[in-house]
Amino acid sequence: MPIARLTTAAAWSLSAAAAGVLLVGCSGSVSVGSSDPKLSSDKLADTVAEKLASTTGRPKPDVTCPEDLAGKVGTTTRCTLTAKDGSTLGVSVKVTSVEGKKINFDIKADDTASPATN
C-alpha cells in the first residue's frame, strides 16, 4: 500500500508532531466540577492541544473535538488536529481512569495525516 507523501512545510510539521506523539505517548487529566464527571469538548480540545505541544516541543496546534468526554473508564472520542495548510490528523482520546472528579485519559495521534481538500 503506497504511503502518501506530504510536501508542504506545514504538513511536514504535522507529520513530525504526530510522530513525536506516537513515540513519546501522551496522556492528560482534568478535574471537573459536576457529580458525573464530564469534560466539555472545548476544554478537551484545549487540553489535547496543550499536551501535544508539550510532548512534541512545537507550538500549540488547532484541535477540535466533536463531543464532551464522559468520565467513564473506556470512553473514547476522536478529535481532529488541523494544520495551517488545511491537512488534518485524527487524534484518539480514551479515558483510562476516573478519580473522583478527575478524568485521566490517553491521547494517540493517527499514523498518517489527510491532505488538505482544495
PDB file of N, CA and C in Angstrom:
ATOM      1  N   MET A   1       0.849  -1.170   0.000  1.00  0.00           N
ATOM      2  CA  MET A   1       0.000   0.000   0.000  1.00  0.00           C
ATOM      3  C   MET A   1       0.893   1.232   0.000  1.00  0.00           C
ATOM      4  N   PRO A   2       0.769   2.127  -0.981  1.00  0.00           N
ATOM      5  CA  PRO A   2       1.622   3.298  -1.036  1.00  0.00           C
ATOM      6  C   PRO A   2       1.306   4.264   0.097  1.00  0.00           C
ATOM      7  N   ILE A   3       2.339   4.941   0.551  1.00  0.00           N
ATOM      8  CA  ILE A   3       2.195   5.932   1.607  1.00  0.00           C
ATOM      9  C   ILE A   3       2.155   7.309   0.965  1.00  0.00           C
ATOM     10  N   ALA A   4       1.137   8.094   1.316  1.00  0.00           N
ATOM     11  CA  ALA A   4       1.024   9.449   0.779  1.00  0.00           C
ATOM     12  C   ALA A   4       2.150  10.301   1.340  1.00  0.00           C
ATOM     13  N   ARG A   5       2.762  11.099   0.491  1.00  0.00           N
ATOM     14  CA  ARG A   5       3.834  11.982   0.942  1.00  0.00           C
ATOM     15  C   ARG A   5       3.294  13.381   1.100  1.00  0.00           C
ATOM     16  N   LEU A   6       3.650  14.004   2.194  1.00  0.00           N
ATOM     17  CA  LEU A   6       3.226  15.372   2.456  1.00  0.00           C
ATOM     18  C   LEU A   6       4.335  16.295   1.988  1.00  0.00           C
ATOM     19  N   THR A   7       3.996  17.307   1.202  1.00  0.00           N
ATOM     20  CA  THR A   7       5.023  18.103   0.563  1.00  0.00           C
ATOM     21  C   THR A   7       5.234  19.482   1.158  1.00  0.00           C
ATOM     22  N   THR A   8       4.291  20.031   1.878  1.00  0.00           N
ATOM     23  CA  THR A   8       4.475  21.378   2.402  1.00  0.00           C
ATOM     24  C   THR A   8       5.154  21.340   3.763  1.00  0.00           C
ATOM     25  N   ALA A   9       5.732  22.454   4.125  1.00  0.00           N
ATOM     26  CA  ALA A   9       6.405  22.549   5.422  1.00  0.00           C
ATOM     27  C   ALA A   9       5.407  22.352   6.559  1.00  0.00           C
ATOM     28  N   ALA A  10       4.216  22.917   6.419  1.00  0.00           N
ATOM     29  CA  ALA A  10       3.205  22.766   7.468  1.00  0.00           C
ATOM     30  C   ALA A  10       2.793  21.307   7.600  1.00  0.00           C
ATOM     31  N   ALA A  11       2.631  20.630   6.486  1.00  0.00           N
ATOM     32  CA  ALA A  11       2.257  19.217   6.540  1.00  0.00           C
ATOM     33  C   ALA A  11       3.394  18.406   7.146  1.00  0.00           C
ATOM     34  N   TRP A  12       4.632  18.747   6.829  1.00  0.00           N
ATOM     35  CA  TRP A  12       5.768  18.051   7.427  1.00  0.00           C
ATOM     36  C   TRP A  12       5.751  18.250   8.927  1.00  0.00           C
ATOM     37  N   SER A  13       5.467  19.461   9.361  1.00  0.00           N
ATOM     38  CA  SER A  13       5.403  19.739  10.791  1.00  0.00           C
ATOM     39  C   SER A  13       4.319  18.900  11.448  1.00  0.00           C
ATOM     40  N   LEU A  14       3.184  18.767  10.770  1.00  0.00           N
ATOM     41  CA  LEU A  14       2.094  17.970  11.286  1.00  0.00           C
ATOM     42  C   LEU A  14       2.531  16.520  11.428  1.00  0.00           C
ATOM     43  N   SER A  15       3.213  15.985  10.413  1.00  0.00           N
ATOM     44  CA  SER A  15       3.692  14.607  10.479  1.00  0.00           C
ATOM     45  C   SER A  15       4.725  14.440  11.578  1.00  0.00           C
ATOM     46  N   ALA A  16       5.605  15.413  11.717  1.00  0.00           N
ATOM     47  CA  ALA A  16       6.619  15.345  12.774  1.00  0.00           C
ATOM     48  C   ALA A  16       5.960  15.385  14.141  1.00  0.00           C
ATOM     49  N   ALA A  17       4.936  16.215  14.281  1.00  0.00           N
ATOM     50  CA  ALA A  17       4.222  16.279  15.557  1.00  0.00           C
ATOM     51  C   ALA A  17       3.567  14.944  15.857  1.00  0.00           C
ATOM     52  N   ALA A  18       2.953  14.344  14.863  1.00  0.00           N
ATOM     53  CA  ALA A  18       2.303  13.050  15.057  1.00  0.00           C
ATOM     54  C   ALA A  18       3.328  11.991  15.434  1.00  0.00           C
ATOM     55  N   ALA A  19       4.452  11.990  14.767  1.00  0.00           N
ATOM     56  CA  ALA A  19       5.491  11.007  15.077  1.00  0.00           C
ATOM     57  C   ALA A  19       5.971  11.179  16.509  1.00  0.00           C
ATOM     58  N   GLY A  20       6.145  12.413  16.939  1.00  0.00           N
ATOM     59  CA  GLY A  20       6.567  12.666  18.310  1.00  0.00           C
ATOM     60  C   GLY A  20       5.557  12.158  19.312  1.00  0.00           C
ATOM     61  N   VAL A  21       4.299  12.370  19.031  1.00  0.00           N
ATOM     62  CA  VAL A  21       3.252  11.900  19.930  1.00  0.00           C
ATOM     63  C   VAL A  21       3.249  10.390  19.987  1.00  0.00           C
ATOM     64  N   LEU A  22       3.402   9.740  18.849  1.00  0.00           N
ATOM     65  CA  LEU A  22       3.374   8.286  18.815  1.00  0.00           C
ATOM     66  C   LEU A  22       4.572   7.686  19.533  1.00  0.00           C
ATOM     67  N   LEU A  23       5.721   8.305  19.395  1.00  0.00           N
ATOM     68  CA  LEU A  23       6.921   7.769  20.020  1.00  0.00           C
ATOM     69  C   LEU A  23       6.934   7.997  21.522  1.00  0.00           C
ATOM     70  N   VAL A  24       6.509   9.161  21.948  1.00  0.00           N
ATOM     71  CA  VAL A  24       6.583   9.507  23.351  1.00  0.00           C
ATOM     72  C   VAL A  24       5.362   9.045  24.120  1.00  0.00           C
ATOM     73  N   GLY A  25       4.211   9.034  23.489  1.00  0.00           N
ATOM     74  CA  GLY A  25       2.970   8.748  24.194  1.00  0.00           C
ATOM     75  C   GLY A  25       2.513  10.013  24.888  1.00  0.00           C
ATOM     76  N   CYS A  26       1.276  10.073  25.202  1.00  0.00           N
ATOM     77  CA  CYS A  26       0.748  11.296  25.757  1.00  0.00           C
ATOM     78  C   CYS A  26      -0.476  10.964  26.586  1.00  0.00           C
ATOM     79  N   SER A  27      -0.606  11.620  27.698  1.00  0.00           N
ATOM     80  CA  SER A  27      -1.806  11.443  28.493  1.00  0.00           C
ATOM     81  C   SER A  27      -2.112  12.749  29.190  1.00  0.00           C
ATOM     82  N   GLY A  28      -3.309  12.867  29.664  1.00  0.00           N
ATOM     83  CA  GLY A  28      -3.707  14.083  30.347  1.00  0.00           C
ATOM     84  C   GLY A  28      -4.699  13.768  31.428  1.00  0.00           C
ATOM     85  N   SER A  29      -4.983  14.765  32.229  1.00  0.00           N
ATOM     86  CA  SER A  29      -6.025  14.621  33.233  1.00  0.00           C
ATOM     87  C   SER A  29      -6.587  16.000  33.520  1.00  0.00           C
ATOM     88  N   VAL A  30      -7.857  16.022  33.833  1.00  0.00           N
ATOM     89  CA  VAL A  30      -8.547  17.272  34.100  1.00  0.00           C
ATOM     90  C   VAL A  30      -9.546  17.044  35.215  1.00  0.00           C
ATOM     91  N   SER A  31      -9.619  17.969  36.150  1.00  0.00           N
ATOM     92  CA  SER A  31     -10.635  17.906  37.189  1.00  0.00           C
ATOM     93  C   SER A  31     -11.851  18.692  36.727  1.00  0.00           C
ATOM     94  N   VAL A  32     -13.016  18.128  36.973  1.00  0.00           N
ATOM     95  CA  VAL A  32     -14.262  18.770  36.562  1.00  0.00           C
ATOM     96  C   VAL A  32     -15.156  18.955  37.782  1.00  0.00           C
ATOM     97  N   GLY A  33     -16.159  19.814  37.673  1.00  0.00           N
ATOM     98  CA  GLY A  33     -16.928  20.204  38.837  1.00  0.00           C
ATOM     99  C   GLY A  33     -18.256  19.516  39.054  1.00  0.00           C
ATOM    100  N   SER A  34     -18.719  18.659  38.181  1.00  0.00           N
ATOM    101  CA  SER A  34     -20.045  18.062  38.363  1.00  0.00           C
ATOM    102  C   SER A  34     -19.969  16.730  39.091  1.00  0.00           C
ATOM    103  N   SER A  35     -21.151  16.224  39.516  1.00  0.00           N
ATOM    104  CA  SER A  35     -21.179  14.938  40.195  1.00  0.00           C
ATOM    105  C   SER A  35     -20.877  13.792  39.231  1.00  0.00           C
ATOM    106  N   ASP A  36     -21.320  13.929  37.971  1.00  0.00           N
ATOM    107  CA  ASP A  36     -20.967  12.975  36.925  1.00  0.00           C
ATOM    108  C   ASP A  36     -19.874  13.629  36.100  1.00  0.00           C
ATOM    109  N   PRO A  37     -18.621  13.233  36.306  1.00  0.00           N
ATOM    110  CA  PRO A  37     -17.537  13.922  35.603  1.00  0.00           C
ATOM    111  C   PRO A  37     -17.728  13.902  34.092  1.00  0.00           C
ATOM    112  N   LYS A  38     -17.577  15.057  33.492  1.00  0.00           N
ATOM    113  CA  LYS A  38     -17.678  15.195  32.050  1.00  0.00           C
ATOM    114  C   LYS A  38     -16.798  16.385  31.676  1.00  0.00           C
ATOM    115  N   LEU A  39     -16.035  16.229  30.607  1.00  0.00           N
ATOM    116  CA  LEU A  39     -15.159  17.290  30.133  1.00  0.00           C
ATOM    117  C   LEU A  39     -15.751  17.859  28.857  1.00  0.00           C
ATOM    118  N   SER A  40     -15.969  19.178  28.812  1.00  0.00           N
ATOM    119  CA  SER A  40     -16.571  19.784  27.624  1.00  0.00           C
ATOM    120  C   SER A  40     -15.665  19.595  26.414  1.00  0.00           C
ATOM    121  N   SER A  41     -16.257  19.582  25.247  1.00  0.00           N
ATOM    122  CA  SER A  41     -15.484  19.386  24.019  1.00  0.00           C
ATOM    123  C   SER A  41     -14.432  20.483  23.843  1.00  0.00           C
ATOM    124  N   ASP A  42     -14.759  21.728  24.217  1.00  0.00           N
ATOM    125  CA  ASP A  42     -13.794  22.831  24.095  1.00  0.00           C
ATOM    126  C   ASP A  42     -12.608  22.649  25.039  1.00  0.00           C
ATOM    127  N   LYS A  43     -12.893  22.275  26.288  1.00  0.00           N
ATOM    128  CA  LYS A  43     -11.817  22.061  27.262  1.00  0.00           C
ATOM    129  C   LYS A  43     -10.970  20.846  26.865  1.00  0.00           C
ATOM    130  N   LEU A  44     -11.620  19.810  26.353  1.00  0.00           N
ATOM    131  CA  LEU A  44     -10.891  18.630  25.896  1.00  0.00           C
ATOM    132  C   LEU A  44      -9.950  19.011  24.758  1.00  0.00           C
ATOM    133  N   ALA A  45     -10.457  19.748  23.761  1.00  0.00           N
ATOM    134  CA  ALA A  45      -9.631  20.168  22.623  1.00  0.00           C
ATOM    135  C   ALA A  45      -8.438  20.987  23.095  1.00  0.00           C
ATOM    136  N   ASP A  46      -8.660  21.899  24.038  1.00  0.00           N
ATOM    137  CA  ASP A  46      -7.582  22.737  24.557  1.00  0.00           C
ATOM    138  C   ASP A  46      -6.539  21.894  25.296  1.00  0.00           C
ATOM    139  N   THR A  47      -7.002  20.946  26.101  1.00  0.00           N
ATOM    140  CA  THR A  47      -6.089  20.078  26.850  1.00  0.00           C
ATOM    141  C   THR A  47      -5.284  19.189  25.910  1.00  0.00           C
ATOM    142  N   VAL A  48      -5.939  18.614  24.899  1.00  0.00           N
ATOM    143  CA  VAL A  48      -5.242  17.780  23.916  1.00  0.00           C
ATOM    144  C   VAL A  48      -4.181  18.606  23.192  1.00  0.00           C
ATOM    145  N   ALA A  49      -4.524  19.817  22.762  1.00  0.00           N
ATOM    146  CA  ALA A  49      -3.570  20.687  22.065  1.00  0.00           C
ATOM    147  C   ALA A  49      -2.371  21.010  22.950  1.00  0.00           C
ATOM    148  N   GLU A  50      -2.625  21.318  24.223  1.00  0.00           N
ATOM    149  CA  GLU A  50      -1.533  21.613  25.160  1.00  0.00           C
ATOM    150  C   GLU A  50      -0.615  20.403  25.338  1.00  0.00           C
ATOM    151  N   LYS A  51      -1.205  19.224  25.493  1.00  0.00           N
ATOM    152  CA  LYS A  51      -0.403  18.006  25.682  1.00  0.00           C
ATOM    153  C   LYS A  51       0.416  17.682  24.432  1.00  0.00           C
ATOM    154  N   LEU A  52      -0.180  17.832  23.254  1.00  0.00           N
ATOM    155  CA  LEU A  52       0.560  17.575  22.018  1.00  0.00           C
ATOM    156  C   LEU A  52       1.720  18.559  21.872  1.00  0.00           C
ATOM    157  N   ALA A  53       1.474  19.827  22.188  1.00  0.00           N
ATOM    158  CA  ALA A  53       2.530  20.839  22.095  1.00  0.00           C
ATOM    159  C   ALA A  53       3.667  20.534  23.068  1.00  0.00           C
ATOM    160  N   SER A  54       3.336  20.174  24.306  1.00  0.00           N
ATOM    161  CA  SER A  54       4.387  19.898  25.285  1.00  0.00           C
ATOM    162  C   SER A  54       5.154  18.620  24.956  1.00  0.00           C
ATOM    163  N   THR A  55       4.479  17.643  24.366  1.00  0.00           N
ATOM    164  CA  THR A  55       5.129  16.385  24.017  1.00  0.00           C
ATOM    165  C   THR A  55       6.061  16.539  22.815  1.00  0.00           C
ATOM    166  N   THR A  56       5.646  17.351  21.841  1.00  0.00           N
ATOM    167  CA  THR A  56       6.425  17.477  20.606  1.00  0.00           C
ATOM    168  C   THR A  56       7.388  18.659  20.614  1.00  0.00           C
ATOM    169  N   GLY A  57       7.203  19.610  21.549  1.00  0.00           N
ATOM    170  CA  GLY A  57       8.049  20.799  21.575  1.00  0.00           C
ATOM    171  C   GLY A  57       7.707  21.783  20.470  1.00  0.00           C
ATOM    172  N   ARG A  58       6.526  21.665  19.909  1.00  0.00           N
ATOM    173  CA  ARG A  58       6.063  22.549  18.828  1.00  0.00           C
ATOM    174  C   ARG A  58       4.957  23.451  19.363  1.00  0.00           C
ATOM    175  N   PRO A  59       4.612  24.497  18.593  1.00  0.00           N
ATOM    176  CA  PRO A  59       3.521  25.371  19.038  1.00  0.00           C
ATOM    177  C   PRO A  59       2.205  24.605  19.193  1.00  0.00           C
ATOM    178  N   LYS A  60       1.331  25.137  20.025  1.00  0.00           N
ATOM    179  CA  LYS A  60       0.035  24.520  20.278  1.00  0.00           C
ATOM    180  C   LYS A  60      -0.767  24.448  18.980  1.00  0.00           C
ATOM    181  N   PRO A  61      -1.173  23.235  18.577  1.00  0.00           N
ATOM    182  CA  PRO A  61      -1.916  23.076  17.322  1.00  0.00           C
ATOM    183  C   PRO A  61      -3.395  23.419  17.477  1.00  0.00           C
ATOM    184  N   ASP A  62      -4.071  23.544  16.339  1.00  0.00           N
ATOM    185  CA  ASP A  62      -5.516  23.771  16.303  1.00  0.00           C
ATOM    186  C   ASP A  62      -6.200  22.412  16.392  1.00  0.00           C
ATOM    187  N   VAL A  63      -6.869  22.150  17.510  1.00  0.00           N
ATOM    188  CA  VAL A  63      -7.540  20.871  17.736  1.00  0.00           C
ATOM    189  C   VAL A  63      -9.019  21.137  18.009  1.00  0.00           C
ATOM    190  N   THR A  64      -9.876  20.325  17.410  1.00  0.00           N
ATOM    191  CA  THR A  64     -11.308  20.381  17.688  1.00  0.00           C
ATOM    192  C   THR A  64     -11.781  18.988  18.079  1.00  0.00           C
ATOM    193  N   CYS A  65     -12.723  18.949  19.003  1.00  0.00           N
ATOM    194  CA  CYS A  65     -13.318  17.685  19.438  1.00  0.00           C
ATOM    195  C   CYS A  65     -14.839  17.822  19.285  1.00  0.00           C
ATOM    196  N   PRO A  66     -15.502  16.818  18.713  1.00  0.00           N
ATOM    197  CA  PRO A  66     -16.916  16.939  18.370  1.00  0.00           C
ATOM    198  C   PRO A  66     -17.888  16.785  19.535  1.00  0.00           C
ATOM    199  N   GLU A  67     -17.413  16.242  20.653  1.00  0.00           N
ATOM    200  CA  GLU A  67     -18.337  15.953  21.755  1.00  0.00           C
ATOM    201  C   GLU A  67     -17.632  16.038  23.090  1.00  0.00           C
ATOM    202  N   ASP A  68     -18.421  16.158  24.149  1.00  0.00           N
ATOM    203  CA  ASP A  68     -17.888  16.137  25.504  1.00  0.00           C
ATOM    204  C   ASP A  68     -17.330  14.741  25.790  1.00  0.00           C
ATOM    205  N   LEU A  69     -16.413  14.666  26.733  1.00  0.00           N
ATOM    206  CA  LEU A  69     -15.836  13.379  27.129  1.00  0.00           C
ATOM    207  C   LEU A  69     -16.408  12.987  28.482  1.00  0.00           C
ATOM    208  N   ALA A  70     -17.172  11.896  28.504  1.00  0.00           N
ATOM    209  CA  ALA A  70     -17.760  11.399  29.749  1.00  0.00           C
ATOM    210  C   ALA A  70     -16.673  10.745  30.594  1.00  0.00           C
ATOM    211  N   GLY A  71     -16.736  10.988  31.894  1.00  0.00           N
ATOM    212  CA  GLY A  71     -15.760  10.430  32.816  1.00  0.00           C
ATOM    213  C   GLY A  71     -16.088   9.005  33.194  1.00  0.00           C
ATOM    214  N   LYS A  72     -15.958   8.117  32.244  1.00  0.00           N
ATOM    215  CA  LYS A  72     -16.200   6.690  32.469  1.00  0.00           C
ATOM    216  C   LYS A  72     -15.059   5.931  31.800  1.00  0.00           C
ATOM    217  N   VAL A  73     -14.404   5.060  32.544  1.00  0.00           N
ATOM    218  CA  VAL A  73     -13.267   4.315  32.018  1.00  0.00           C
ATOM    219  C   VAL A  73     -13.662   3.591  30.733  1.00  0.00           C
ATOM    220  N   GLY A  74     -12.813   3.746  29.717  1.00  0.00           N
ATOM    221  CA  GLY A  74     -13.047   3.109  28.435  1.00  0.00           C
ATOM    222  C   GLY A  74     -13.737   4.005  27.415  1.00  0.00           C
ATOM    223  N   THR A  75     -14.307   5.128  27.862  1.00  0.00           N
ATOM    224  CA  THR A  75     -14.962   6.052  26.937  1.00  0.00           C
ATOM    225  C   THR A  75     -13.920   6.602  25.968  1.00  0.00           C
ATOM    226  N   THR A  76     -14.283   6.683  24.701  1.00  0.00           N
ATOM    227  CA  THR A  76     -13.371   7.214  23.687  1.00  0.00           C
ATOM    228  C   THR A  76     -14.062   8.300  22.868  1.00  0.00           C
ATOM    229  N   THR A  77     -13.251   9.152  22.267  1.00  0.00           N
ATOM    230  CA  THR A  77     -13.729  10.125  21.298  1.00  0.00           C
ATOM    231  C   THR A  77     -12.604  10.391  20.315  1.00  0.00           C
ATOM    232  N   ARG A  78     -12.953  11.010  19.212  1.00  0.00           N
ATOM    233  CA  ARG A  78     -11.965  11.349  18.186  1.00  0.00           C
ATOM    234  C   ARG A  78     -11.940  12.860  18.025  1.00  0.00           C
ATOM    235  N   CYS A  79     -10.760  13.418  18.079  1.00  0.00           N
ATOM    236  CA  CYS A  79     -10.567  14.838  17.841  1.00  0.00           C
ATOM    237  C   CYS A  79      -9.800  14.990  16.536  1.00  0.00           C
ATOM    238  N   THR A  80      -9.733  16.219  16.033  1.00  0.00           N
ATOM    239  CA  THR A  80      -9.033  16.482  14.783  1.00  0.00           C
ATOM    240  C   THR A  80      -8.059  17.626  14.963  1.00  0.00           C
ATOM    241  N   LEU A  81      -6.819  17.394  14.562  1.00  0.00           N
ATOM    242  CA  LEU A  81      -5.792  18.423  14.543  1.00  0.00           C
ATOM    243  C   LEU A  81      -5.728  18.937  13.106  1.00  0.00           C
ATOM    244  N   THR A  82      -5.816  20.255  12.926  1.00  0.00           N
ATOM    245  CA  THR A  82      -5.773  20.849  11.597  1.00  0.00           C
ATOM    246  C   THR A  82      -4.539  21.731  11.474  1.00  0.00           C
ATOM    247  N   ALA A  83      -3.712  21.460  10.466  1.00  0.00           N
ATOM    248  CA  ALA A  83      -2.501  22.248  10.213  1.00  0.00           C
ATOM    249  C   ALA A  83      -2.860  23.515   9.452  1.00  0.00           C
ATOM    250  N   LYS A  84      -1.931  24.441   9.401  1.00  0.00           N
ATOM    251  CA  LYS A  84      -2.162  25.712   8.716  1.00  0.00           C
ATOM    252  C   LYS A  84      -2.462  25.533   7.235  1.00  0.00           C
ATOM    253  N   ASP A  85      -1.970  24.462   6.621  1.00  0.00           N
ATOM    254  CA  ASP A  85      -2.230  24.238   5.194  1.00  0.00           C
ATOM    255  C   ASP A  85      -3.550  23.507   4.958  1.00  0.00           C
ATOM    256  N   GLY A  86      -4.276  23.195   6.038  1.00  0.00           N
ATOM    257  CA  GLY A  86      -5.570  22.535   5.909  1.00  0.00           C
ATOM    258  C   GLY A  86      -5.532  21.030   6.032  1.00  0.00           C
ATOM    259  N   SER A  87      -4.335  20.432   6.080  1.00  0.00           N
ATOM    260  CA  SER A  87      -4.262  18.985   6.268  1.00  0.00           C
ATOM    261  C   SER A  87      -4.703  18.660   7.700  1.00  0.00           C
ATOM    262  N   THR A  88      -5.203  17.451   7.900  1.00  0.00           N
ATOM    263  CA  THR A  88      -5.735  17.072   9.205  1.00  0.00           C
ATOM    264  C   THR A  88      -5.118  15.769   9.696  1.00  0.00           C
ATOM    265  N   LEU A  89      -5.173  15.607  10.995  1.00  0.00           N
ATOM    266  CA  LEU A  89      -4.669  14.407  11.643  1.00  0.00           C
ATOM    267  C   LEU A  89      -5.671  14.018  12.717  1.00  0.00           C
ATOM    268  N   GLY A  90      -6.125  12.781  12.707  1.00  0.00           N
ATOM    269  CA  GLY A  90      -7.043  12.299  13.732  1.00  0.00           C
ATOM    270  C   GLY A  90      -6.306  12.033  15.028  1.00  0.00           C
ATOM    271  N   VAL A  91      -6.974  12.297  16.138  1.00  0.00           N
ATOM    272  CA  VAL A  91      -6.406  12.075  17.458  1.00  0.00           C
ATOM    273  C   VAL A  91      -7.440  11.338  18.293  1.00  0.00           C
ATOM    274  N   SER A  92      -7.060  10.170  18.809  1.00  0.00           N
ATOM    275  CA  SER A  92      -7.959   9.374  19.654  1.00  0.00           C
ATOM    276  C   SER A  92      -7.721   9.715  21.116  1.00  0.00           C
ATOM    277  N   VAL A  93      -8.809   9.824  21.866  1.00  0.00           N
ATOM    278  CA  VAL A  93      -8.736  10.089  23.304  1.00  0.00           C
ATOM    279  C   VAL A  93      -9.508   8.976  24.002  1.00  0.00           C
ATOM    280  N   LYS A  94      -8.878   8.364  25.016  1.00  0.00           N
ATOM    281  CA  LYS A  94      -9.525   7.267  25.741  1.00  0.00           C
ATOM    282  C   LYS A  94      -9.361   7.474  27.242  1.00  0.00           C
ATOM    283  N   VAL A  95     -10.473   7.432  27.966  1.00  0.00           N
ATOM    284  CA  VAL A  95     -10.446   7.586  29.420  1.00  0.00           C
ATOM    285  C   VAL A  95      -9.816   6.340  30.030  1.00  0.00           C
ATOM    286  N   THR A  96      -8.754   6.554  30.833  1.00  0.00           N
ATOM    287  CA  THR A  96      -8.052   5.434  31.454  1.00  0.00           C
ATOM    288  C   THR A  96      -8.441   5.230  32.910  1.00  0.00           C
ATOM    289  N   SER A  97      -8.819   6.309  33.581  1.00  0.00           N
ATOM    290  CA  SER A  97      -9.273   6.193  34.966  1.00  0.00           C
ATOM    291  C   SER A  97     -10.003   7.467  35.364  1.00  0.00           C
ATOM    292  N   VAL A  98     -10.817   7.338  36.399  1.00  0.00           N
ATOM    293  CA  VAL A  98     -11.528   8.477  36.958  1.00  0.00           C
ATOM    294  C   VAL A  98     -11.318   8.421  38.461  1.00  0.00           C
ATOM    295  N   GLU A  99     -10.807   9.515  39.004  1.00  0.00           N
ATOM    296  CA  GLU A  99     -10.548   9.603  40.440  1.00  0.00           C
ATOM    297  C   GLU A  99     -11.395  10.742  40.994  1.00  0.00           C
ATOM    298  N   GLY A 100     -12.571  10.417  41.517  1.00  0.00           N
ATOM    299  CA  GLY A 100     -13.493  11.453  41.978  1.00  0.00           C
ATOM    300  C   GLY A 100     -13.960  12.279  40.795  1.00  0.00           C
ATOM    301  N   LYS A 101     -13.531  13.540  40.753  1.00  0.00           N
ATOM    302  CA  LYS A 101     -13.905  14.433  39.654  1.00  0.00           C
ATOM    303  C   LYS A 101     -12.770  14.632  38.659  1.00  0.00           C
ATOM    304  N   LYS A 102     -11.725  13.845  38.776  1.00  0.00           N
ATOM    305  CA  LYS A 102     -10.562  13.951  37.882  1.00  0.00           C
ATOM    306  C   LYS A 102     -10.625  12.851  36.829  1.00  0.00           C
ATOM    307  N   ILE A 103     -10.613  13.264  35.558  1.00  0.00           N
ATOM    308  CA  ILE A 103     -10.651  12.328  34.434  1.00  0.00           C
ATOM    309  C   ILE A 103      -9.242  12.210  33.859  1.00  0.00           C
ATOM    310  N   ASN A 104      -8.696  10.998  33.839  1.00  0.00           N
ATOM    311  CA  ASN A 104      -7.391  10.733  33.248  1.00  0.00           C
ATOM    312  C   ASN A 104      -7.606  10.062  31.897  1.00  0.00           C
ATOM    313  N   PHE A 105      -6.829  10.487  30.901  1.00  0.00           N
ATOM    314  CA  PHE A 105      -7.024   9.921  29.570  1.00  0.00           C
ATOM    315  C   PHE A 105      -5.717   9.854  28.803  1.00  0.00           C
ATOM    316  N   ASP A 106      -5.678   8.937  27.831  1.00  0.00           N
ATOM    317  CA  ASP A 106      -4.548   8.809  26.917  1.00  0.00           C
ATOM    318  C   ASP A 106      -4.909   9.461  25.600  1.00  0.00           C
ATOM    319  N   ILE A 107      -3.886   9.976  24.929  1.00  0.00           N
ATOM    320  CA  ILE A 107      -4.049  10.638  23.640  1.00  0.00           C
ATOM    321  C   ILE A 107      -3.140   9.921  22.651  1.00  0.00           C
ATOM    322  N   LYS A 108      -3.679   9.575  21.475  1.00  0.00           N
ATOM    323  CA  LYS A 108      -2.869   8.933  20.448  1.00  0.00           C
ATOM    324  C   LYS A 108      -3.227   9.514  19.085  1.00  0.00           C
ATOM    325  N   ALA A 109      -2.223  10.050  18.422  1.00  0.00           N
ATOM    326  CA  ALA A 109      -2.425  10.594  17.073  1.00  0.00           C
ATOM    327  C   ALA A 109      -2.357   9.470  16.050  1.00  0.00           C
ATOM    328  N   ASP A 110      -3.106   9.629  14.963  1.00  0.00           N
ATOM    329  CA  ASP A 110      -3.063   8.659  13.870  1.00  0.00           C
ATOM    330  C   ASP A 110      -1.661   8.621  13.265  1.00  0.00           C
ATOM    331  N   ASP A 111      -1.372   7.548  12.537  1.00  0.00           N
ATOM    332  CA  ASP A 111      -0.070   7.382  11.896  1.00  0.00           C
ATOM    333  C   ASP A 111       0.139   8.332  10.720  1.00  0.00           C
ATOM    334  N   THR A 112      -0.930   8.651   9.999  1.00  0.00           N
ATOM    335  CA  THR A 112      -0.787   9.496   8.811  1.00  0.00           C
ATOM    336  C   THR A 112      -1.827  10.612   8.821  1.00  0.00           C
ATOM    337  N   ALA A 113      -1.463  11.706   8.188  1.00  0.00           N
ATOM    338  CA  ALA A 113      -2.352  12.864   8.062  1.00  0.00           C
ATOM    339  C   ALA A 113      -3.136  12.755   6.762  1.00  0.00           C
ATOM    340  N   SER A 114      -4.265  13.428   6.719  1.00  0.00           N
ATOM    341  CA  SER A 114      -5.050  13.534   5.494  1.00  0.00           C
ATOM    342  C   SER A 114      -4.695  14.861   4.830  1.00  0.00           C
ATOM    343  N   PRO A 115      -4.455  14.864   3.537  1.00  0.00           N
ATOM    344  CA  PRO A 115      -4.088  16.110   2.859  1.00  0.00           C
ATOM    345  C   PRO A 115      -5.253  17.097   2.881  1.00  0.00           C
ATOM    346  N   ALA A 116      -4.910  18.362   2.697  1.00  0.00           N
ATOM    347  CA  ALA A 116      -5.915  19.416   2.643  1.00  0.00           C
ATOM    348  C   ALA A 116      -6.818  19.212   1.437  1.00  0.00           C
ATOM    349  N   THR A 117      -8.092  19.543   1.609  1.00  0.00           N
ATOM    350  CA  THR A 117      -9.005  19.491   0.476  1.00  0.00           C
ATOM    351  C   THR A 117      -8.943  20.820  -0.264  1.00  0.00           C
ATOM    352  N   ASN A 118      -9.047  20.765  -1.556  1.00  0.00           N
ATOM    353  CA  ASN A 118      -8.955  22.011  -2.347  1.00  0.00           C
ATOM    354  C   ASN A 118     -10.277  22.670  -2.471  1.00  0.00           C
TER     355      ASN A 118
END
